[in-house]
Amino acid sequence: MADIQPIPTSPPAAPAPKRETPAQATAREFEAVFLGQMAKLMMESVEVGDEFSGGHGEEMFRGVLAETLGAEMAKGGGVGLAPAVLDQIIRMQGGADNGQ
């Protein structure tokens, strides 16, 4: 009897990425800024020794690094702040729509 080979099929198409609403983007950006400020405060609290100091250049770009860390953490799911902020945005929009 001949072996029956399965017909190769292409992998299922990946679902289309969800488009982020303006309110979702605002909530995510808020979390990114919050996390960036937290990272900045943590970086300022660490003593920098002479052996591993980046000198003046490090001082100049430490804020940029903190902002980037915050943005990447928020993009990766954050700490759960964005959903709470989004709920408040929606609640405020609902109140505005009702004439309040």
N, C-alpha and C. Protein backbone atom coordinates (compact mmCIF):
# COMPACT_ATOMS: atom_id res chain seq x y z
N MET A 1 0.83 -1.17 0.00
CA MET A 1 0.00 0.00 0.00
C MET A 1 0.88 1.25 0.00
N ALA A 2 0.54 2.23 -0.76
CA ALA A 2 1.33 3.45 -0.86
C ALA A 2 1.08 4.34 0.34
N ASP A 3 2.16 4.95 0.83
CA ASP A 3 2.02 5.89 1.95
C ASP A 3 1.37 7.17 1.45
N ILE A 4 0.39 7.60 2.17
CA ILE A 4 -0.30 8.83 1.82
C ILE A 4 0.37 9.97 2.57
N GLN A 5 0.87 10.91 1.82
CA GLN A 5 1.54 12.07 2.40
C GLN A 5 0.53 13.20 2.55
N PRO A 6 0.56 13.89 3.70
CA PRO A 6 -0.36 15.01 3.86
C PRO A 6 0.01 16.15 2.91
N ILE A 7 -0.99 16.84 2.50
CA ILE A 7 -0.78 17.99 1.62
C ILE A 7 -0.24 19.13 2.47
N PRO A 8 0.93 19.66 2.08
CA PRO A 8 1.47 20.77 2.88
C PRO A 8 0.54 21.98 2.81
N THR A 9 0.33 22.56 3.93
CA THR A 9 -0.50 23.76 3.99
C THR A 9 0.32 24.90 4.55
N SER A 10 -0.07 26.07 4.19
CA SER A 10 0.63 27.24 4.72
C SER A 10 0.16 27.46 6.16
N PRO A 11 1.02 28.04 6.98
CA PRO A 11 0.61 28.29 8.36
C PRO A 11 -0.56 29.27 8.39
N PRO A 12 -1.38 29.18 9.42
CA PRO A 12 -2.51 30.10 9.49
C PRO A 12 -2.02 31.54 9.52
N ALA A 13 -2.79 32.37 8.87
CA ALA A 13 -2.42 33.79 8.83
C ALA A 13 -2.48 34.38 10.23
N ALA A 14 -1.50 35.20 10.52
CA ALA A 14 -1.48 35.87 11.82
C ALA A 14 -2.64 36.87 11.86
N PRO A 15 -3.28 36.98 13.02
CA PRO A 15 -4.37 37.95 13.10
C PRO A 15 -3.84 39.37 12.88
N ALA A 16 -4.65 40.16 12.26
CA ALA A 16 -4.26 41.55 12.01
C ALA A 16 -4.05 42.25 13.34
N PRO A 17 -2.98 43.04 13.46
CA PRO A 17 -2.75 43.73 14.72
C PRO A 17 -3.88 44.70 15.02
N LYS A 18 -4.25 44.75 16.29
CA LYS A 18 -5.33 45.65 16.68
C LYS A 18 -4.83 47.08 16.60
N ARG A 19 -5.68 47.92 16.08
CA ARG A 19 -5.34 49.34 16.04
C ARG A 19 -5.63 49.94 17.40
N GLU A 20 -4.71 50.72 17.87
CA GLU A 20 -4.83 51.35 19.17
C GLU A 20 -5.70 52.60 19.06
N THR A 21 -6.68 52.72 19.94
CA THR A 21 -7.51 53.91 19.94
C THR A 21 -6.71 55.07 20.51
N PRO A 22 -7.12 56.30 20.26
CA PRO A 22 -6.41 57.44 20.85
C PRO A 22 -6.38 57.37 22.38
N ALA A 23 -7.46 56.91 22.99
CA ALA A 23 -7.49 56.81 24.46
C ALA A 23 -6.49 55.76 24.94
N GLN A 24 -6.38 54.64 24.24
CA GLN A 24 -5.42 53.61 24.61
C GLN A 24 -4.00 54.13 24.46
N ALA A 25 -3.73 54.86 23.39
CA ALA A 25 -2.40 55.42 23.17
C ALA A 25 -2.05 56.41 24.28
N THR A 26 -3.01 57.23 24.66
CA THR A 26 -2.77 58.20 25.73
C THR A 26 -2.47 57.50 27.05
N ALA A 27 -3.22 56.45 27.35
CA ALA A 27 -3.00 55.70 28.59
C ALA A 27 -1.64 55.04 28.59
N ARG A 28 -1.24 54.46 27.46
CA ARG A 28 0.07 53.81 27.36
C ARG A 28 1.19 54.85 27.47
N GLU A 29 1.02 55.99 26.83
CA GLU A 29 2.03 57.05 26.90
C GLU A 29 2.15 57.58 28.33
N PHE A 30 1.02 57.71 29.03
CA PHE A 30 1.05 58.15 30.42
C PHE A 30 1.86 57.16 31.26
N GLU A 31 1.62 55.87 31.05
CA GLU A 31 2.37 54.87 31.80
C GLU A 31 3.85 54.93 31.45
N ALA A 32 4.17 55.17 30.18
CA ALA A 32 5.57 55.26 29.75
C ALA A 32 6.27 56.43 30.45
N VAL A 33 5.60 57.57 30.52
CA VAL A 33 6.18 58.73 31.20
C VAL A 33 6.36 58.45 32.69
N PHE A 34 5.35 57.84 33.30
CA PHE A 34 5.44 57.50 34.72
C PHE A 34 6.62 56.56 34.97
N LEU A 35 6.73 55.50 34.16
CA LEU A 35 7.82 54.56 34.35
C LEU A 35 9.18 55.21 34.07
N GLY A 36 9.22 56.11 33.11
CA GLY A 36 10.47 56.84 32.83
C GLY A 36 10.89 57.68 34.02
N GLN A 37 9.93 58.34 34.67
CA GLN A 37 10.25 59.14 35.85
C GLN A 37 10.72 58.25 37.00
N MET A 38 10.10 57.09 37.15
CA MET A 38 10.53 56.14 38.18
C MET A 38 11.96 55.68 37.91
N ALA A 39 12.26 55.36 36.65
CA ALA A 39 13.61 54.92 36.29
C ALA A 39 14.62 56.04 36.56
N LYS A 40 14.23 57.27 36.25
CA LYS A 40 15.13 58.40 36.47
C LYS A 40 15.44 58.55 37.96
N LEU A 41 14.40 58.44 38.80
CA LEU A 41 14.62 58.54 40.24
C LEU A 41 15.52 57.42 40.75
N MET A 42 15.31 56.22 40.23
CA MET A 42 16.16 55.10 40.65
C MET A 42 17.60 55.32 40.22
N MET A 43 17.81 55.82 39.01
CA MET A 43 19.17 56.05 38.53
C MET A 43 19.88 57.14 39.35
N GLU A 44 19.12 58.14 39.77
CA GLU A 44 19.70 59.22 40.56
C GLU A 44 20.09 58.74 41.95
N SER A 45 19.43 57.69 42.42
CA SER A 45 19.71 57.22 43.78
C SER A 45 20.92 56.29 43.85
N VAL A 46 21.47 55.90 42.71
CA VAL A 46 22.61 54.99 42.68
C VAL A 46 23.90 55.80 42.62
N GLU A 47 24.82 55.47 43.53
CA GLU A 47 26.12 56.13 43.49
C GLU A 47 26.94 55.58 42.34
N VAL A 48 27.55 56.46 41.57
CA VAL A 48 28.35 56.06 40.43
C VAL A 48 29.81 56.14 40.84
N GLY A 49 30.50 55.01 40.73
CA GLY A 49 31.92 54.98 41.07
C GLY A 49 32.78 55.45 39.91
N ASP A 50 34.04 55.70 40.18
CA ASP A 50 34.96 56.18 39.15
C ASP A 50 35.26 55.11 38.09
N GLU A 51 35.28 53.83 38.51
CA GLU A 51 35.67 52.77 37.58
C GLU A 51 34.66 52.59 36.44
N PHE A 52 33.38 52.73 36.74
CA PHE A 52 32.36 52.46 35.74
C PHE A 52 31.58 53.70 35.34
N SER A 53 32.06 54.84 35.68
CA SER A 53 31.35 56.07 35.36
C SER A 53 31.52 56.41 33.89
N GLY A 54 30.45 56.86 33.30
CA GLY A 54 30.49 57.29 31.91
C GLY A 54 30.85 58.77 31.80
N GLY A 55 31.11 59.38 32.96
CA GLY A 55 31.51 60.77 32.97
C GLY A 55 30.40 61.72 32.57
N HIS A 56 30.79 62.81 31.96
CA HIS A 56 29.84 63.85 31.59
C HIS A 56 28.84 63.35 30.55
N GLY A 57 29.31 62.52 29.62
CA GLY A 57 28.42 61.99 28.59
C GLY A 57 27.28 61.18 29.20
N GLU A 58 27.60 60.38 30.20
CA GLU A 58 26.56 59.59 30.86
C GLU A 58 25.56 60.50 31.54
N GLU A 59 26.05 61.52 32.20
CA GLU A 59 25.16 62.46 32.88
C GLU A 59 24.22 63.13 31.88
N MET A 60 24.75 63.46 30.70
CA MET A 60 23.95 64.14 29.68
C MET A 60 22.81 63.27 29.17
N PHE A 61 23.06 61.97 29.02
CA PHE A 61 22.09 61.09 28.38
C PHE A 61 21.32 60.21 29.36
N ARG A 62 21.54 60.39 30.65
CA ARG A 62 20.84 59.58 31.64
C ARG A 62 19.32 59.78 31.55
N GLY A 63 18.88 61.00 31.33
CA GLY A 63 17.45 61.28 31.19
C GLY A 63 16.85 60.60 29.97
N VAL A 64 17.59 60.61 28.87
CA VAL A 64 17.12 59.95 27.65
C VAL A 64 17.01 58.44 27.88
N LEU A 65 17.99 57.89 28.59
CA LEU A 65 17.95 56.46 28.90
C LEU A 65 16.74 56.13 29.77
N ALA A 66 16.47 56.96 30.76
CA ALA A 66 15.31 56.74 31.63
C ALA A 66 14.00 56.79 30.84
N GLU A 67 13.88 57.76 29.94
CA GLU A 67 12.67 57.86 29.10
C GLU A 67 12.51 56.63 28.22
N THR A 68 13.60 56.18 27.63
CA THR A 68 13.56 55.02 26.76
C THR A 68 13.21 53.76 27.55
N LEU A 69 13.78 53.62 28.74
CA LEU A 69 13.43 52.48 29.58
C LEU A 69 11.94 52.48 29.90
N GLY A 70 11.40 53.65 30.24
CA GLY A 70 9.98 53.76 30.54
C GLY A 70 9.12 53.39 29.35
N ALA A 71 9.49 53.86 28.17
CA ALA A 71 8.72 53.56 26.96
C ALA A 71 8.75 52.07 26.65
N GLU A 72 9.91 51.44 26.79
CA GLU A 72 10.03 50.01 26.50
C GLU A 72 9.27 49.17 27.53
N MET A 73 9.32 49.58 28.78
CA MET A 73 8.58 48.84 29.81
C MET A 73 7.07 48.94 29.54
N ALA A 74 6.61 50.13 29.17
CA ALA A 74 5.18 50.30 28.87
C ALA A 74 4.78 49.48 27.66
N LYS A 75 5.65 49.46 26.63
CA LYS A 75 5.36 48.70 25.41
C LYS A 75 5.27 47.21 25.72
N GLY A 76 6.08 46.75 26.68
CA GLY A 76 6.10 45.34 27.04
C GLY A 76 5.00 44.94 28.01
N GLY A 77 4.09 45.81 28.31
CA GLY A 77 2.99 45.47 29.21
C GLY A 77 2.94 46.33 30.45
N GLY A 78 4.03 47.01 30.73
CA GLY A 78 4.04 47.94 31.85
C GLY A 78 3.80 47.28 33.19
N VAL A 79 3.26 48.06 34.10
CA VAL A 79 3.00 47.60 35.46
C VAL A 79 1.51 47.59 35.77
N GLY A 80 0.70 47.72 34.75
CA GLY A 80 -0.74 47.68 34.95
C GLY A 80 -1.39 49.03 35.17
N LEU A 81 -0.65 50.09 34.97
CA LEU A 81 -1.18 51.43 35.16
C LEU A 81 -2.05 51.88 33.98
N ALA A 82 -1.66 51.52 32.77
CA ALA A 82 -2.38 51.97 31.57
C ALA A 82 -3.86 51.57 31.58
N PRO A 83 -4.22 50.33 31.96
CA PRO A 83 -5.65 50.00 31.98
C PRO A 83 -6.45 50.85 32.96
N ALA A 84 -5.86 51.16 34.12
CA ALA A 84 -6.56 52.01 35.09
C ALA A 84 -6.73 53.43 34.55
N VAL A 85 -5.70 53.93 33.89
CA VAL A 85 -5.78 55.27 33.29
C VAL A 85 -6.81 55.26 32.16
N LEU A 86 -6.82 54.21 31.36
CA LEU A 86 -7.80 54.10 30.27
C LEU A 86 -9.23 54.09 30.82
N ASP A 87 -9.46 53.37 31.91
CA ASP A 87 -10.79 53.36 32.53
C ASP A 87 -11.21 54.77 32.93
N GLN A 88 -10.28 55.53 33.48
CA GLN A 88 -10.60 56.90 33.90
C GLN A 88 -10.86 57.80 32.69
N ILE A 89 -10.08 57.61 31.62
CA ILE A 89 -10.31 58.39 30.40
C ILE A 89 -11.70 58.11 29.86
N ILE A 90 -12.06 56.84 29.79
CA ILE A 90 -13.38 56.46 29.27
C ILE A 90 -14.47 57.02 30.17
N ARG A 91 -14.27 56.94 31.47
CA ARG A 91 -15.26 57.48 32.41
C ARG A 91 -15.42 58.99 32.20
N MET A 92 -14.30 59.68 32.01
CA MET A 92 -14.37 61.13 31.80
C MET A 92 -15.04 61.46 30.47
N GLN A 93 -14.76 60.68 29.44
CA GLN A 93 -15.40 60.90 28.15
C GLN A 93 -16.89 60.64 28.24
N GLY A 94 -17.27 59.61 28.98
CA GLY A 94 -18.69 59.32 29.18
C GLY A 94 -19.37 60.45 29.90
N GLY A 95 -18.70 61.03 30.90
CA GLY A 95 -19.26 62.16 31.63
C GLY A 95 -19.39 63.38 30.74
N ALA A 96 -18.41 63.57 29.84
CA ALA A 96 -18.44 64.72 28.91
C ALA A 96 -19.55 64.53 27.90
N ASP A 97 -19.78 63.28 27.48
CA ASP A 97 -20.84 63.03 26.50
C ASP A 97 -22.23 63.25 27.09
N ASN A 98 -22.35 63.11 28.41
CA ASN A 98 -23.64 63.30 29.05
C ASN A 98 -23.91 64.75 29.43
N GLY A 99 -23.03 65.65 28.98
CA GLY A 99 -23.23 67.06 29.27
C GLY A 99 -22.76 67.47 30.64
N GLN A 100 -21.94 66.65 31.29
CA GLN A 100 -21.44 66.99 32.63
C GLN A 100 -20.17 67.77 32.55
